[in-house]
Amino acid sequence: MQDMIKRIIEADSKAKELEEANRRAAEEEKQKIEQEAANIYKKYMDGAQGEIAKNDAQIEKRFAAKLREVTAKQESTLIKLKSDYEINRDGWVDEIVSRVTG
C-alpha cells in the first residue's frame, strides 16, 4: 500500500513537472509568434513608408506642374484683363454714366 501511495505521488509530481514544462513551452511559442508578428509588421510598415515617400514625391511634382500651369493661366488672364481695361476704359465709363443718369 505504501508503495502504491509512493507511485501515485511520484506520478503526480511528474504530471506537475510535465504540465509546467508544457506551460513554459507554450509561453515561449507565444512569445516567438508575437515577435514574428512584430517583425512582419515592421517590415510591412517600412515598405509602406517607402512607398508613401515615393508617392509623395510624385504627387508633389504633379502638384508643382499644375500650380505652374494655373499660375501661367492666371497671369495670361490678368494681362488680357488689363489690356481690355486699357482699350475699353473710356467706353465703359461712358456706358456706366449713361445708364446711371439715364
PDB file of N, CA and C in Angstrom:
ATOM      1  N   MET A   1       0.812  -1.179   0.000  1.00  0.00           N
ATOM      2  CA  MET A   1       0.000   0.000   0.000  1.00  0.00           C
ATOM      3  C   MET A   1       0.867   1.259   0.000  1.00  0.00           C
ATOM      4  N   GLN A   2       1.919   1.253   0.821  1.00  0.00           N
ATOM      5  CA  GLN A   2       2.854   2.369   0.876  1.00  0.00           C
ATOM      6  C   GLN A   2       3.504   2.591  -0.493  1.00  0.00           C
ATOM      7  N   ASP A   3       3.830   1.492  -1.138  1.00  0.00           N
ATOM      8  CA  ASP A   3       4.457   1.564  -2.458  1.00  0.00           C
ATOM      9  C   ASP A   3       3.493   2.190  -3.465  1.00  0.00           C
ATOM     10  N   MET A   4       2.240   1.840  -3.363  1.00  0.00           N
ATOM     11  CA  MET A   4       1.221   2.358  -4.266  1.00  0.00           C
ATOM     12  C   MET A   4       1.055   3.861  -4.068  1.00  0.00           C
ATOM     13  N   ILE A   5       1.018   4.321  -2.807  1.00  0.00           N
ATOM     14  CA  ILE A   5       0.887   5.737  -2.496  1.00  0.00           C
ATOM     15  C   ILE A   5       2.109   6.497  -3.024  1.00  0.00           C
ATOM     16  N   LYS A   6       3.285   5.885  -2.846  1.00  0.00           N
ATOM     17  CA  LYS A   6       4.526   6.492  -3.311  1.00  0.00           C
ATOM     18  C   LYS A   6       4.488   6.675  -4.835  1.00  0.00           C
ATOM     19  N   ARG A   7       3.991   5.652  -5.563  1.00  0.00           N
ATOM     20  CA  ARG A   7       3.903   5.726  -7.022  1.00  0.00           C
ATOM     21  C   ARG A   7       2.916   6.824  -7.461  1.00  0.00           C
ATOM     22  N   ILE A   8       1.803   6.902  -6.730  1.00  0.00           N
ATOM     23  CA  ILE A   8       0.799   7.925  -7.061  1.00  0.00           C
ATOM     24  C   ILE A   8       1.392   9.324  -6.873  1.00  0.00           C
ATOM     25  N   ILE A   9       2.129   9.515  -5.787  1.00  0.00           N
ATOM     26  CA  ILE A   9       2.764  10.817  -5.501  1.00  0.00           C
ATOM     27  C   ILE A   9       3.807  11.129  -6.566  1.00  0.00           C
ATOM     28  N   GLU A  10       4.601  10.133  -6.949  1.00  0.00           N
ATOM     29  CA  GLU A  10       5.614  10.328  -7.994  1.00  0.00           C
ATOM     30  C   GLU A  10       4.959  10.651  -9.338  1.00  0.00           C
ATOM     31  N   ALA A  11       3.892   9.950  -9.653  1.00  0.00           N
ATOM     32  CA  ALA A  11       3.176  10.197 -10.907  1.00  0.00           C
ATOM     33  C   ALA A  11       2.589  11.606 -10.898  1.00  0.00           C
ATOM     34  N   ASP A  12       2.050  12.010  -9.744  1.00  0.00           N
ATOM     35  CA  ASP A  12       1.503  13.355  -9.624  1.00  0.00           C
ATOM     36  C   ASP A  12       2.608  14.407  -9.791  1.00  0.00           C
ATOM     37  N   SER A  13       3.757  14.177  -9.209  1.00  0.00           N
ATOM     38  CA  SER A  13       4.889  15.100  -9.343  1.00  0.00           C
ATOM     39  C   SER A  13       5.335  15.199 -10.796  1.00  0.00           C
ATOM     40  N   LYS A  14       5.439  14.039 -11.456  1.00  0.00           N
ATOM     41  CA  LYS A  14       5.840  14.034 -12.865  1.00  0.00           C
ATOM     42  C   LYS A  14       4.800  14.756 -13.717  1.00  0.00           C
ATOM     43  N   ALA A  15       3.540  14.566 -13.411  1.00  0.00           N
ATOM     44  CA  ALA A  15       2.478  15.230 -14.161  1.00  0.00           C
ATOM     45  C   ALA A  15       2.570  16.743 -13.979  1.00  0.00           C
ATOM     46  N   LYS A  16       2.854  17.171 -12.740  1.00  0.00           N
ATOM     47  CA  LYS A  16       3.006  18.608 -12.486  1.00  0.00           C
ATOM     48  C   LYS A  16       4.222  19.166 -13.221  1.00  0.00           C
ATOM     49  N   GLU A  17       5.316  18.399 -13.236  1.00  0.00           N
ATOM     50  CA  GLU A  17       6.521  18.826 -13.963  1.00  0.00           C
ATOM     51  C   GLU A  17       6.230  18.947 -15.462  1.00  0.00           C
ATOM     52  N   LEU A  18       5.541  17.937 -16.012  1.00  0.00           N
ATOM     53  CA  LEU A  18       5.187  17.980 -17.430  1.00  0.00           C
ATOM     54  C   LEU A  18       4.252  19.152 -17.731  1.00  0.00           C
ATOM     55  N   GLU A  19       3.309  19.374 -16.851  1.00  0.00           N
ATOM     56  CA  GLU A  19       2.379  20.491 -17.034  1.00  0.00           C
ATOM     57  C   GLU A  19       3.133  21.816 -17.038  1.00  0.00           C
ATOM     58  N   GLU A  20       4.074  21.962 -16.105  1.00  0.00           N
ATOM     59  CA  GLU A  20       4.880  23.192 -16.032  1.00  0.00           C
ATOM     60  C   GLU A  20       5.755  23.338 -17.278  1.00  0.00           C
ATOM     61  N   ALA A  21       6.345  22.241 -17.726  1.00  0.00           N
ATOM     62  CA  ALA A  21       7.166  22.276 -18.943  1.00  0.00           C
ATOM     63  C   ALA A  21       6.316  22.663 -20.159  1.00  0.00           C
ATOM     64  N   ASN A  22       5.119  22.106 -20.244  1.00  0.00           N
ATOM     65  CA  ASN A  22       4.211  22.457 -21.343  1.00  0.00           C
ATOM     66  C   ASN A  22       3.790  23.921 -21.274  1.00  0.00           C
ATOM     67  N   ARG A  23       3.549  24.418 -20.082  1.00  0.00           N
ATOM     68  CA  ARG A  23       3.172  25.819 -19.912  1.00  0.00           C
ATOM     69  C   ARG A  23       4.303  26.735 -20.363  1.00  0.00           C
ATOM     70  N   ARG A  24       5.547  26.396 -19.965  1.00  0.00           N
ATOM     71  CA  ARG A  24       6.712  27.188 -20.379  1.00  0.00           C
ATOM     72  C   ARG A  24       6.896  27.141 -21.892  1.00  0.00           C
ATOM     73  N   ALA A  25       6.739  25.954 -22.462  1.00  0.00           N
ATOM     74  CA  ALA A  25       6.890  25.803 -23.917  1.00  0.00           C
ATOM     75  C   ALA A  25       5.817  26.622 -24.648  1.00  0.00           C
ATOM     76  N   ALA A  26       4.600  26.582 -24.130  1.00  0.00           N
ATOM     77  CA  ALA A  26       3.522  27.350 -24.743  1.00  0.00           C
ATOM     78  C   ALA A  26       3.813  28.848 -24.646  1.00  0.00           C
ATOM     79  N   GLU A  27       4.325  29.276 -23.519  1.00  0.00           N
ATOM     80  CA  GLU A  27       4.670  30.698 -23.341  1.00  0.00           C
ATOM     81  C   GLU A  27       5.792  31.101 -24.293  1.00  0.00           C
ATOM     82  N   GLU A  28       6.785  30.240 -24.433  1.00  0.00           N
ATOM     83  CA  GLU A  28       7.885  30.521 -25.367  1.00  0.00           C
ATOM     84  C   GLU A  28       7.367  30.616 -26.806  1.00  0.00           C
ATOM     85  N   GLU A  29       6.484  29.714 -27.185  1.00  0.00           N
ATOM     86  CA  GLU A  29       5.906  29.742 -28.533  1.00  0.00           C
ATOM     87  C   GLU A  29       5.089  31.014 -28.740  1.00  0.00           C
ATOM     88  N   LYS A  30       4.340  31.395 -27.715  1.00  0.00           N
ATOM     89  CA  LYS A  30       3.548  32.614 -27.802  1.00  0.00           C
ATOM     90  C   LYS A  30       4.458  33.821 -28.020  1.00  0.00           C
ATOM     91  N   GLN A  31       5.556  33.872 -27.280  1.00  0.00           N
ATOM     92  CA  GLN A  31       6.499  34.981 -27.430  1.00  0.00           C
ATOM     93  C   GLN A  31       7.147  34.974 -28.821  1.00  0.00           C
ATOM     94  N   LYS A  32       7.473  33.785 -29.330  1.00  0.00           N
ATOM     95  CA  LYS A  32       8.047  33.683 -30.677  1.00  0.00           C
ATOM     96  C   LYS A  32       7.057  34.196 -31.724  1.00  0.00           C
ATOM     97  N   ILE A  33       5.800  33.806 -31.574  1.00  0.00           N
ATOM     98  CA  ILE A  33       4.768  34.233 -32.520  1.00  0.00           C
ATOM     99  C   ILE A  33       4.587  35.753 -32.450  1.00  0.00           C
ATOM    100  N   GLU A  34       4.551  36.298 -31.236  1.00  0.00           N
ATOM    101  CA  GLU A  34       4.404  37.739 -31.082  1.00  0.00           C
ATOM    102  C   GLU A  34       5.594  38.481 -31.689  1.00  0.00           C
ATOM    103  N   GLN A  35       6.797  37.959 -31.493  1.00  0.00           N
ATOM    104  CA  GLN A  35       7.990  38.583 -32.052  1.00  0.00           C
ATOM    105  C   GLN A  35       7.964  38.518 -33.579  1.00  0.00           C
ATOM    106  N   GLU A  36       7.578  37.375 -34.119  1.00  0.00           N
ATOM    107  CA  GLU A  36       7.495  37.224 -35.575  1.00  0.00           C
ATOM    108  C   GLU A  36       6.435  38.169 -36.145  1.00  0.00           C
ATOM    109  N   ALA A  37       5.309  38.297 -35.461  1.00  0.00           N
ATOM    110  CA  ALA A  37       4.264  39.226 -35.903  1.00  0.00           C
ATOM    111  C   ALA A  37       4.786  40.662 -35.887  1.00  0.00           C
ATOM    112  N   ALA A  38       5.529  41.012 -34.853  1.00  0.00           N
ATOM    113  CA  ALA A  38       6.103  42.359 -34.765  1.00  0.00           C
ATOM    114  C   ALA A  38       7.104  42.584 -35.897  1.00  0.00           C
ATOM    115  N   ASN A  39       7.907  41.564 -36.202  1.00  0.00           N
ATOM    116  CA  ASN A  39       8.872  41.684 -37.299  1.00  0.00           C
ATOM    117  C   ASN A  39       8.165  41.867 -38.642  1.00  0.00           C
ATOM    118  N   ILE A  40       7.113  41.089 -38.867  1.00  0.00           N
ATOM    119  CA  ILE A  40       6.353  41.197 -40.116  1.00  0.00           C
ATOM    120  C   ILE A  40       5.710  42.584 -40.211  1.00  0.00           C
ATOM    121  N   TYR A  41       5.133  43.053 -39.121  1.00  0.00           N
ATOM    122  CA  TYR A  41       4.508  44.379 -39.097  1.00  0.00           C
ATOM    123  C   TYR A  41       5.536  45.461 -39.419  1.00  0.00           C
ATOM    124  N   LYS A  42       6.705  45.370 -38.785  1.00  0.00           N
ATOM    125  CA  LYS A  42       7.760  46.367 -39.016  1.00  0.00           C
ATOM    126  C   LYS A  42       8.210  46.339 -40.468  1.00  0.00           C
ATOM    127  N   LYS A  43       8.398  45.150 -41.006  1.00  0.00           N
ATOM    128  CA  LYS A  43       8.822  45.023 -42.402  1.00  0.00           C
ATOM    129  C   LYS A  43       7.768  45.636 -43.325  1.00  0.00           C
ATOM    130  N   TYR A  44       6.509  45.340 -43.067  1.00  0.00           N
ATOM    131  CA  TYR A  44       5.416  45.878 -43.876  1.00  0.00           C
ATOM    132  C   TYR A  44       5.371  47.406 -43.777  1.00  0.00           C
ATOM    133  N   MET A  45       5.451  47.912 -42.554  1.00  0.00           N
ATOM    134  CA  MET A  45       5.375  49.356 -42.347  1.00  0.00           C
ATOM    135  C   MET A  45       6.569  50.069 -42.972  1.00  0.00           C
ATOM    136  N   ASP A  46       7.760  49.484 -42.882  1.00  0.00           N
ATOM    137  CA  ASP A  46       8.929  50.089 -43.516  1.00  0.00           C
ATOM    138  C   ASP A  46       8.724  50.181 -45.024  1.00  0.00           C
ATOM    139  N   GLY A  47       8.209  49.107 -45.611  1.00  0.00           N
ATOM    140  CA  GLY A  47       7.930  49.113 -47.045  1.00  0.00           C
ATOM    141  C   GLY A  47       6.856  50.129 -47.394  1.00  0.00           C
ATOM    142  N   ALA A  48       5.832  50.188 -46.583  1.00  0.00           N
ATOM    143  CA  ALA A  48       4.738  51.131 -46.830  1.00  0.00           C
ATOM    144  C   ALA A  48       5.239  52.576 -46.721  1.00  0.00           C
ATOM    145  N   GLN A  49       6.089  52.840 -45.749  1.00  0.00           N
ATOM    146  CA  GLN A  49       6.635  54.195 -45.601  1.00  0.00           C
ATOM    147  C   GLN A  49       7.464  54.578 -46.827  1.00  0.00           C
ATOM    148  N   GLY A  50       8.200  53.620 -47.352  1.00  0.00           N
ATOM    149  CA  GLY A  50       8.973  53.875 -48.569  1.00  0.00           C
ATOM    150  C   GLY A  50       8.070  54.202 -49.743  1.00  0.00           C
ATOM    151  N   GLU A  51       6.993  53.445 -49.888  1.00  0.00           N
ATOM    152  CA  GLU A  51       6.034  53.703 -50.969  1.00  0.00           C
ATOM    153  C   GLU A  51       5.363  55.060 -50.789  1.00  0.00           C
ATOM    154  N   ILE A  52       5.014  55.382 -49.552  1.00  0.00           N
ATOM    155  CA  ILE A  52       4.380  56.673 -49.278  1.00  0.00           C
ATOM    156  C   ILE A  52       5.324  57.809 -49.651  1.00  0.00           C
ATOM    157  N   ALA A  53       6.576  57.695 -49.276  1.00  0.00           N
ATOM    158  CA  ALA A  53       7.552  58.738 -49.605  1.00  0.00           C
ATOM    159  C   ALA A  53       7.689  58.877 -51.121  1.00  0.00           C
ATOM    160  N   LYS A  54       7.732  57.744 -51.815  1.00  0.00           N
ATOM    161  CA  LYS A  54       7.846  57.763 -53.273  1.00  0.00           C
ATOM    162  C   LYS A  54       6.614  58.418 -53.889  1.00  0.00           C
ATOM    163  N   ASN A  55       5.441  58.025 -53.422  1.00  0.00           N
ATOM    164  CA  ASN A  55       4.200  58.609 -53.936  1.00  0.00           C
ATOM    165  C   ASN A  55       4.095  60.094 -53.616  1.00  0.00           C
ATOM    166  N   ASP A  56       4.540  60.479 -52.418  1.00  0.00           N
ATOM    167  CA  ASP A  56       4.519  61.891 -52.041  1.00  0.00           C
ATOM    168  C   ASP A  56       5.362  62.717 -53.007  1.00  0.00           C
ATOM    169  N   ALA A  57       6.526  62.189 -53.363  1.00  0.00           N
ATOM    170  CA  ALA A  57       7.404  62.905 -54.289  1.00  0.00           C
ATOM    171  C   ALA A  57       6.734  63.057 -55.652  1.00  0.00           C
ATOM    172  N   GLN A  58       6.084  62.005 -56.122  1.00  0.00           N
ATOM    173  CA  GLN A  58       5.403  62.077 -57.411  1.00  0.00           C
ATOM    174  C   GLN A  58       4.229  63.057 -57.356  1.00  0.00           C
ATOM    175  N   ILE A  59       3.470  63.016 -56.283  1.00  0.00           N
ATOM    176  CA  ILE A  59       2.335  63.928 -56.123  1.00  0.00           C
ATOM    177  C   ILE A  59       2.835  65.366 -56.056  1.00  0.00           C
ATOM    178  N   GLU A  60       3.921  65.573 -55.340  1.00  0.00           N
ATOM    179  CA  GLU A  60       4.499  66.917 -55.221  1.00  0.00           C
ATOM    180  C   GLU A  60       4.920  67.444 -56.598  1.00  0.00           C
ATOM    181  N   LYS A  61       5.518  66.600 -57.435  1.00  0.00           N
ATOM    182  CA  LYS A  61       5.914  67.021 -58.781  1.00  0.00           C
ATOM    183  C   LYS A  61       4.689  67.388 -59.618  1.00  0.00           C
ATOM    184  N   ARG A  62       3.652  66.530 -59.552  1.00  0.00           N
ATOM    185  CA  ARG A  62       2.435  66.826 -60.313  1.00  0.00           C
ATOM    186  C   ARG A  62       1.776  68.110 -59.826  1.00  0.00           C
ATOM    187  N   PHE A  63       1.752  68.294 -58.514  1.00  0.00           N
ATOM    188  CA  PHE A  63       1.164  69.495 -57.943  1.00  0.00           C
ATOM    189  C   PHE A  63       1.925  70.734 -58.390  1.00  0.00           C
ATOM    190  N   ALA A  64       3.246  70.676 -58.364  1.00  0.00           N
ATOM    191  CA  ALA A  64       4.066  71.818 -58.780  1.00  0.00           C
ATOM    192  C   ALA A  64       3.816  72.143 -60.251  1.00  0.00           C
ATOM    193  N   ALA A  65       3.712  71.120 -61.094  1.00  0.00           N
ATOM    194  CA  ALA A  65       3.442  71.343 -62.519  1.00  0.00           C
ATOM    195  C   ALA A  65       2.060  71.976 -62.702  1.00  0.00           C
ATOM    196  N   LYS A  66       1.069  71.468 -61.990  1.00  0.00           N
ATOM    197  CA  LYS A  66      -0.290  72.014 -62.086  1.00  0.00           C
ATOM    198  C   LYS A  66      -0.318  73.455 -61.585  1.00  0.00           C
ATOM    199  N   LEU A  67       0.413  73.721 -60.511  1.00  0.00           N
ATOM    200  CA  LEU A  67       0.476  75.075 -59.965  1.00  0.00           C
ATOM    201  C   LEU A  67       1.099  76.027 -60.981  1.00  0.00           C
ATOM    202  N   ARG A  68       2.168  75.605 -61.644  1.00  0.00           N
ATOM    203  CA  ARG A  68       2.787  76.434 -62.678  1.00  0.00           C
ATOM    204  C   ARG A  68       1.791  76.705 -63.813  1.00  0.00           C
ATOM    205  N   GLU A  69       1.059  75.679 -64.192  1.00  0.00           N
ATOM    206  CA  GLU A  69       0.069  75.812 -65.267  1.00  0.00           C
ATOM    207  C   GLU A  69      -1.026  76.807 -64.885  1.00  0.00           C
ATOM    208  N   VAL A  70      -1.565  76.676 -63.673  1.00  0.00           N
ATOM    209  CA  VAL A  70      -2.627  77.575 -63.215  1.00  0.00           C
ATOM    210  C   VAL A  70      -2.099  79.000 -63.086  1.00  0.00           C
ATOM    211  N   THR A  71      -0.898  79.140 -62.547  1.00  0.00           N
ATOM    212  CA  THR A  71      -0.294  80.463 -62.397  1.00  0.00           C
ATOM    213  C   THR A  71      -0.102  81.119 -63.760  1.00  0.00           C
ATOM    214  N   ALA A  72       0.354  80.360 -64.734  1.00  0.00           N
ATOM    215  CA  ALA A  72       0.530  80.899 -66.087  1.00  0.00           C
ATOM    216  C   ALA A  72      -0.806  81.346 -66.672  1.00  0.00           C
ATOM    217  N   LYS A  73      -1.865  80.538 -66.467  1.00  0.00           N
ATOM    218  CA  LYS A  73      -3.189  80.924 -66.963  1.00  0.00           C
ATOM    219  C   LYS A  73      -3.680  82.197 -66.275  1.00  0.00           C
ATOM    220  N   GLN A  74      -3.452  82.291 -64.967  1.00  0.00           N
ATOM    221  CA  GLN A  74      -3.873  83.484 -64.232  1.00  0.00           C
ATOM    222  C   GLN A  74      -3.131  84.727 -64.740  1.00  0.00           C
ATOM    223  N   GLU A  75      -1.842  84.585 -64.951  1.00  0.00           N
ATOM    224  CA  GLU A  75      -1.062  85.715 -65.447  1.00  0.00           C
ATOM    225  C   GLU A  75      -1.536  86.121 -66.841  1.00  0.00           C
ATOM    226  N   SER A  76      -1.810  85.135 -67.688  1.00  0.00           N
ATOM    227  CA  SER A  76      -2.308  85.415 -69.032  1.00  0.00           C
ATOM    228  C   SER A  76      -3.656  86.129 -68.973  1.00  0.00           C
ATOM    229  N   THR A  77      -4.539  85.647 -68.108  1.00  0.00           N
ATOM    230  CA  THR A  77      -5.856  86.264 -67.951  1.00  0.00           C
ATOM    231  C   THR A  77      -5.733  87.678 -67.415  1.00  0.00           C
ATOM    232  N   LEU A  78      -4.839  87.884 -66.460  1.00  0.00           N
ATOM    233  CA  LEU A  78      -4.640  89.220 -65.894  1.00  0.00           C
ATOM    234  C   LEU A  78      -4.129  90.183 -66.971  1.00  0.00           C
ATOM    235  N   ILE A  79      -3.197  89.735 -67.792  1.00  0.00           N
ATOM    236  CA  ILE A  79      -2.693  90.578 -68.880  1.00  0.00           C
ATOM    237  C   ILE A  79      -3.821  90.935 -69.836  1.00  0.00           C
ATOM    238  N   LYS A  80      -4.656  89.959 -70.167  1.00  0.00           N
ATOM    239  CA  LYS A  80      -5.786  90.215 -71.078  1.00  0.00           C
ATOM    240  C   LYS A  80      -6.768  91.192 -70.442  1.00  0.00           C
ATOM    241  N   LEU A  81      -7.071  91.004 -69.161  1.00  0.00           N
ATOM    242  CA  LEU A  81      -7.992  91.918 -68.485  1.00  0.00           C
ATOM    243  C   LEU A  81      -7.440  93.341 -68.457  1.00  0.00           C
ATOM    244  N   LYS A  82      -6.156  93.486 -68.162  1.00  0.00           N
ATOM    245  CA  LYS A  82      -5.550  94.823 -68.147  1.00  0.00           C
ATOM    246  C   LYS A  82      -5.608  95.445 -69.542  1.00  0.00           C
ATOM    247  N   SER A  83      -5.345  94.631 -70.544  1.00  0.00           N
ATOM    248  CA  SER A  83      -5.406  95.118 -71.922  1.00  0.00           C
ATOM    249  C   SER A  83      -6.826  95.541 -72.275  1.00  0.00           C
ATOM    250  N   ASP A  84      -7.800  94.703 -71.938  1.00  0.00           N
ATOM    251  CA  ASP A  84      -9.204  95.049 -72.197  1.00  0.00           C
ATOM    252  C   ASP A  84      -9.588  96.327 -71.465  1.00  0.00           C
ATOM    253  N   TYR A  85      -9.120  96.476 -70.252  1.00  0.00           N
ATOM    254  CA  TYR A  85      -9.418  97.674 -69.471  1.00  0.00           C
ATOM    255  C   TYR A  85      -8.850  98.913 -70.150  1.00  0.00           C
ATOM    256  N   GLU A  86      -7.601  98.811 -70.556  1.00  0.00           N
ATOM    257  CA  GLU A  86      -6.961  99.962 -71.208  1.00  0.00           C
ATOM    258  C   GLU A  86      -7.692 100.322 -72.498  1.00  0.00           C
ATOM    259  N   ILE A  87      -8.104  99.330 -73.256  1.00  0.00           N
ATOM    260  CA  ILE A  87      -8.774  99.574 -74.533  1.00  0.00           C
ATOM    261  C   ILE A  87     -10.181 100.116 -74.316  1.00  0.00           C
ATOM    262  N   ASN A  88     -10.912  99.550 -73.365  1.00  0.00           N
ATOM    263  CA  ASN A  88     -12.341  99.847 -73.211  1.00  0.00           C
ATOM    264  C   ASN A  88     -12.684 100.791 -72.067  1.00  0.00           C
ATOM    265  N   ARG A  89     -11.703 101.270 -71.339  1.00  0.00           N
ATOM    266  CA  ARG A  89     -11.947 102.066 -70.133  1.00  0.00           C
ATOM    267  C   ARG A  89     -12.894 103.240 -70.403  1.00  0.00           C
ATOM    268  N   ASP A  90     -12.574 104.030 -71.353  1.00  0.00           N
ATOM    269  CA  ASP A  90     -13.394 105.223 -71.611  1.00  0.00           C
ATOM    270  C   ASP A  90     -14.820 104.841 -72.016  1.00  0.00           C
ATOM    271  N   GLY A  91     -14.944 103.798 -72.844  1.00  0.00           N
ATOM    272  CA  GLY A  91     -16.272 103.358 -73.265  1.00  0.00           C
ATOM    273  C   GLY A  91     -17.083 102.827 -72.099  1.00  0.00           C
ATOM    274  N   TRP A  92     -16.427 102.103 -71.190  1.00  0.00           N
ATOM    275  CA  TRP A  92     -17.138 101.568 -70.027  1.00  0.00           C
ATOM    276  C   TRP A  92     -17.602 102.707 -69.118  1.00  0.00           C
ATOM    277  N   VAL A  93     -16.738 103.682 -68.920  1.00  0.00           N
ATOM    278  CA  VAL A  93     -17.104 104.814 -68.060  1.00  0.00           C
ATOM    279  C   VAL A  93     -18.296 105.544 -68.663  1.00  0.00           C
ATOM    280  N   ASP A  94     -18.248 105.808 -69.974  1.00  0.00           N
ATOM    281  CA  ASP A  94     -19.366 106.484 -70.637  1.00  0.00           C
ATOM    282  C   ASP A  94     -20.656 105.666 -70.502  1.00  0.00           C
ATOM    283  N   GLU A  95     -20.562 104.349 -70.677  1.00  0.00           N
ATOM    284  CA  GLU A  95     -21.730 103.478 -70.579  1.00  0.00           C
ATOM    285  C   GLU A  95     -22.319 103.506 -69.173  1.00  0.00           C
ATOM    286  N   ILE A  96     -21.465 103.422 -68.152  1.00  0.00           N
ATOM    287  CA  ILE A  96     -21.932 103.451 -66.761  1.00  0.00           C
ATOM    288  C   ILE A  96     -22.623 104.771 -66.461  1.00  0.00           C
ATOM    289  N   VAL A  97     -22.006 105.862 -66.885  1.00  0.00           N
ATOM    290  CA  VAL A  97     -22.573 107.187 -66.625  1.00  0.00           C
ATOM    291  C   VAL A  97     -23.918 107.327 -67.319  1.00  0.00           C
ATOM    292  N   SER A  98     -24.021 106.862 -68.572  1.00  0.00           N
ATOM    293  CA  SER A  98     -25.283 106.994 -69.292  1.00  0.00           C
ATOM    294  C   SER A  98     -26.374 106.131 -68.662  1.00  0.00           C
ATOM    295  N   ARG A  99     -26.034 104.978 -68.152  1.00  0.00           N
ATOM    296  CA  ARG A  99     -27.031 104.119 -67.504  1.00  0.00           C
ATOM    297  C   ARG A  99     -27.504 104.713 -66.182  1.00  0.00           C
ATOM    298  N   VAL A 100     -26.568 105.332 -65.456  1.00  0.00           N
ATOM    299  CA  VAL A 100     -26.914 105.905 -64.147  1.00  0.00           C
ATOM    300  C   VAL A 100     -27.761 107.160 -64.347  1.00  0.00           C
ATOM    301  N   THR A 101     -27.388 107.974 -65.274  1.00  0.00           N
ATOM    302  CA  THR A 101     -28.098 109.229 -65.463  1.00  0.00           C
ATOM    303  C   THR A 101     -29.305 109.075 -66.370  1.00  0.00           C
ATOM    304  N   GLY A 102     -29.388 107.966 -67.017  1.00  0.00           N
ATOM    305  CA  GLY A 102     -30.493 107.525 -67.767  1.00  0.00           C
ATOM    306  C   GLY A 102     -30.972 108.207 -68.928  1.00  0.00           C
TER     307      GLY A 102
END
